[in-house]
Amino acid sequence: MFDSRSAGRRAALAATALACGAGVVGAGPSASADGRGDWRPYRAKPFVDVGVCAFTVRVDILRDEEEVRTLSTYPDGKVEWEEFRGPLVLLFSGNGHSVVRDVSGYAWFHHLKDGGLRARLDGGFSFRIKQGNVGYPAGDYILHGRFSAEVKADGNRIVHPAHATVENLCDTLS
């Protein structure tokens, strides 16, 4: 769900950060007077990961019906809170293997003034953590359940999978 290049996810933190799998989604239309903007389509883009697993991982989008809405903005108009929902199914390929993962779910992203991000997620999520990350080991993760994730202003990522299953696709595709 969260993807640092598309949203991720939402990752993508992420989360996607939070992909859907996730930078994160840029400012969309301003929130309405009641603090909630209209739902609008959000589409992840295929990408290639280098520097996460010991091999290159390609991610293709098989199904994407995600939506996003802006819940609030900062006085300068930048997005403060976003909400994501919807189906997202991804094909991960690498090292001569491939797997399909459903990372559909629901997420709330809090974009911090310092450039960081905090996310609360329910459902599935694709989250990439590169080699050299401080706070969580490198890997191409799929999480399912309820969990939170952070992207620090310095780019380091942390996942808090308290009530979630965690799969490292670097191991799965090995």
Protein backbone atom coordinates (compact mmCIF):
# COMPACT_ATOMS: atom_id res chain seq x y z
CA MET A 1 0.00 0.00 0.00
CA PHE A 2 2.75 2.43 0.87
CA ASP A 3 5.51 3.04 -1.65
CA SER A 4 8.03 5.83 -1.36
CA ARG A 5 7.83 6.46 -5.10
CA SER A 6 4.07 6.27 -5.53
CA ALA A 7 2.65 6.43 -2.05
CA GLY A 8 3.16 4.44 -0.57
CA ARG A 9 2.19 2.89 -0.19
CA ARG A 10 1.04 4.69 1.53
CA ALA A 11 4.69 2.55 2.80
CA ALA A 12 5.40 2.59 2.36
CA LEU A 13 5.54 4.18 4.90
CA ALA A 14 5.06 4.00 3.82
CA ALA A 15 4.32 2.86 3.54
CA THR A 16 3.38 2.63 1.85
CA ALA A 17 4.05 3.67 3.22
CA LEU A 18 3.52 3.47 5.22
CA ALA A 19 2.73 1.46 -1.10
CA CYS A 20 0.05 0.83 -0.60
CA GLY A 21 2.28 0.27 -1.03
CA ALA A 22 4.60 4.99 -1.15
CA GLY A 23 7.68 10.02 -1.32
CA VAL A 24 4.16 10.06 -0.24
CA VAL A 25 1.14 11.42 -2.02
CA GLY A 26 1.40 15.13 -2.66
CA ALA A 27 -1.20 17.64 -1.65
CA GLY A 28 -4.48 17.09 -3.42
CA PRO A 29 -7.60 19.17 -3.27
CA SER A 30 -8.09 21.00 0.00
CA ALA A 31 -10.26 19.47 2.66
CA SER A 32 -13.86 20.61 2.80
CA ALA A 33 -15.28 22.74 5.59
CA ASP A 34 -16.06 19.60 7.61
CA GLY A 35 -12.37 18.66 7.46
CA ARG A 36 -12.74 15.83 4.94
CA GLY A 37 -12.04 16.08 1.24
CA ASP A 38 -13.72 14.00 -1.42
CA TRP A 39 -12.43 10.51 -2.20
CA ARG A 40 -10.39 10.47 -5.42
CA PRO A 41 -8.61 7.67 -7.27
CA TYR A 42 -5.03 6.92 -6.30
CA ARG A 43 -2.98 4.69 -8.58
CA ALA A 44 0.31 3.05 -7.68
CA LYS A 45 2.92 2.67 -10.42
CA PRO A 46 5.12 -0.35 -11.20
CA PHE A 47 8.69 0.00 -9.96
CA VAL A 48 12.02 -1.77 -9.61
CA ASP A 49 13.71 -2.07 -6.21
CA VAL A 50 17.49 -2.01 -5.94
CA GLY A 51 19.34 -1.93 -2.62
CA VAL A 52 16.64 -3.66 -0.62
CA CYS A 53 17.21 -7.38 -1.25
CA ALA A 54 20.47 -8.95 -2.44
CA PHE A 55 18.81 -9.03 -5.88
CA THR A 56 16.62 -6.67 -7.90
CA VAL A 57 12.87 -6.91 -7.26
CA ARG A 58 10.31 -5.79 -9.84
CA VAL A 59 6.81 -4.86 -8.68
CA ASP A 60 3.89 -4.84 -11.11
CA ILE A 61 0.35 -3.74 -10.37
CA LEU A 62 -2.29 -6.43 -11.01
CA ARG A 63 -5.28 -4.64 -9.47
CA ASP A 64 -5.52 -1.10 -8.15
CA GLU A 65 -8.76 0.52 -7.08
CA GLU A 66 -7.32 2.63 -4.26
CA GLU A 67 -8.78 5.93 -3.18
CA VAL A 68 -7.36 8.77 -1.12
CA ARG A 69 -8.81 11.84 0.52
CA THR A 70 -7.29 14.77 2.35
CA LEU A 71 -8.51 15.08 5.93
CA SER A 72 -6.64 18.25 6.85
CA THR A 73 -3.96 20.61 5.60
CA TYR A 74 -1.40 22.88 7.24
CA PRO A 75 -1.95 26.66 6.94
CA ASP A 76 0.45 26.71 3.95
CA GLY A 77 -1.83 24.23 2.11
CA LYS A 78 0.41 21.16 2.44
CA VAL A 79 -1.35 17.93 3.39
CA GLU A 80 -1.28 17.13 7.10
CA TRP A 81 -3.61 14.07 7.26
CA GLU A 82 -4.65 11.70 4.47
CA GLU A 83 -6.84 8.63 4.43
CA PHE A 84 -6.41 5.71 1.97
CA ARG A 85 -8.66 2.76 1.21
CA GLY A 86 -9.17 0.11 -1.39
CA PRO A 87 -7.90 -2.94 -3.21
CA LEU A 88 -4.29 -3.26 -4.33
CA VAL A 89 -2.79 -6.52 -5.63
CA LEU A 90 0.91 -6.64 -6.55
CA LEU A 91 3.18 -9.07 -8.42
CA PHE A 92 6.71 -9.23 -6.98
CA SER A 93 9.41 -10.79 -9.21
CA GLY A 94 13.07 -11.36 -8.52
CA ASN A 95 15.83 -13.95 -8.34
CA GLY A 96 13.93 -16.16 -10.82
CA HIS A 97 10.79 -16.34 -8.63
CA SER A 98 7.52 -14.41 -8.37
CA VAL A 99 4.66 -14.10 -5.90
CA VAL A 100 1.35 -12.25 -5.87
CA ARG A 101 0.34 -10.39 -2.70
CA ASP A 102 -2.91 -8.65 -1.84
CA VAL A 103 -2.04 -5.52 0.11
CA SER A 104 -5.54 -4.05 0.13
CA GLY A 105 -6.43 -2.10 3.20
CA TYR A 106 -7.09 1.13 4.98
CA ALA A 107 -4.55 3.72 6.15
CA TRP A 108 -4.21 7.12 7.77
CA PHE A 109 -1.06 9.13 6.99
CA HIS A 110 0.10 12.01 9.16
CA HIS A 111 2.60 14.13 7.23
CA LEU A 112 4.83 15.84 9.81
CA LYS A 113 6.14 19.38 9.44
CA ASP A 114 9.74 18.11 9.52
CA GLY A 115 9.14 15.97 6.40
CA GLY A 116 8.59 12.73 8.28
CA LEU A 117 5.48 10.58 8.19
CA ARG A 118 3.51 8.47 10.66
CA ALA A 119 0.98 5.95 9.42
CA ARG A 120 -1.67 3.73 11.00
CA LEU A 121 -2.71 0.82 8.80
CA ASP A 122 -5.38 -1.87 8.79
CA GLY A 123 -5.14 -4.62 6.19
CA GLY A 124 -2.20 -5.13 3.87
CA PHE A 125 0.84 -3.01 3.15
CA SER A 126 4.03 -3.22 1.08
CA PHE A 127 6.99 -1.52 2.73
CA ARG A 128 10.57 -1.32 1.45
CA ILE A 129 13.46 -0.71 3.77
CA LYS A 130 16.86 -0.19 2.12
CA GLN A 131 20.23 -1.44 3.30
CA GLY A 132 21.71 0.90 5.94
CA ASN A 133 18.33 1.84 7.46
CA VAL A 134 18.45 2.60 11.19
CA GLY A 135 15.49 1.36 13.22
CA TYR A 136 14.35 -1.72 11.26
CA PRO A 137 16.26 -4.30 9.20
CA ALA A 138 16.43 -4.00 5.41
CA GLY A 139 13.87 -5.95 3.42
CA ASP A 140 10.92 -5.85 1.08
CA TYR A 141 8.09 -6.43 3.55
CA ILE A 142 4.46 -7.42 3.26
CA LEU A 143 2.43 -6.78 6.41
CA HIS A 144 -1.14 -7.85 7.12
CA GLY A 145 -3.16 -6.83 10.16
CA ARG A 146 -3.10 -3.70 12.30
CA PHE A 147 0.19 -1.88 12.60
CA SER A 148 1.90 1.48 12.41
CA ALA A 149 4.94 2.72 10.54
CA GLU A 150 7.15 5.77 10.51
CA VAL A 151 9.37 7.46 7.98
CA LYS A 152 11.74 9.78 9.81
CA ALA A 153 12.76 13.11 8.29
CA ASP A 154 16.21 11.60 7.61
CA GLY A 155 14.59 8.81 5.54
CA ASN A 156 14.97 6.00 8.08
CA ARG A 157 11.92 3.75 8.39
CA ILE A 158 10.46 1.93 11.38
CA VAL A 159 7.63 -0.61 11.41
CA HIS A 160 5.58 -1.43 14.52
CA PRO A 161 3.82 -4.74 13.66
CA ALA A 162 2.09 -5.28 17.03
CA HIS A 163 -0.95 -7.08 15.56
CA ALA A 164 0.29 -8.06 12.12
CA THR A 165 2.00 -10.81 10.23
CA VAL A 166 5.26 -9.83 8.56
CA GLU A 167 6.75 -11.44 5.45
CA ASN A 168 10.13 -10.41 4.07
CA LEU A 169 9.94 -10.96 0.31
CA CYS A 170 13.74 -11.02 0.14
CA ASP A 171 13.47 -14.39 1.93
CA THR A 172 10.39 -15.54 0.00
CA LEU A 173 11.97 -14.84 -3.41
CA SER A 174 15.37 -16.31 -2.47
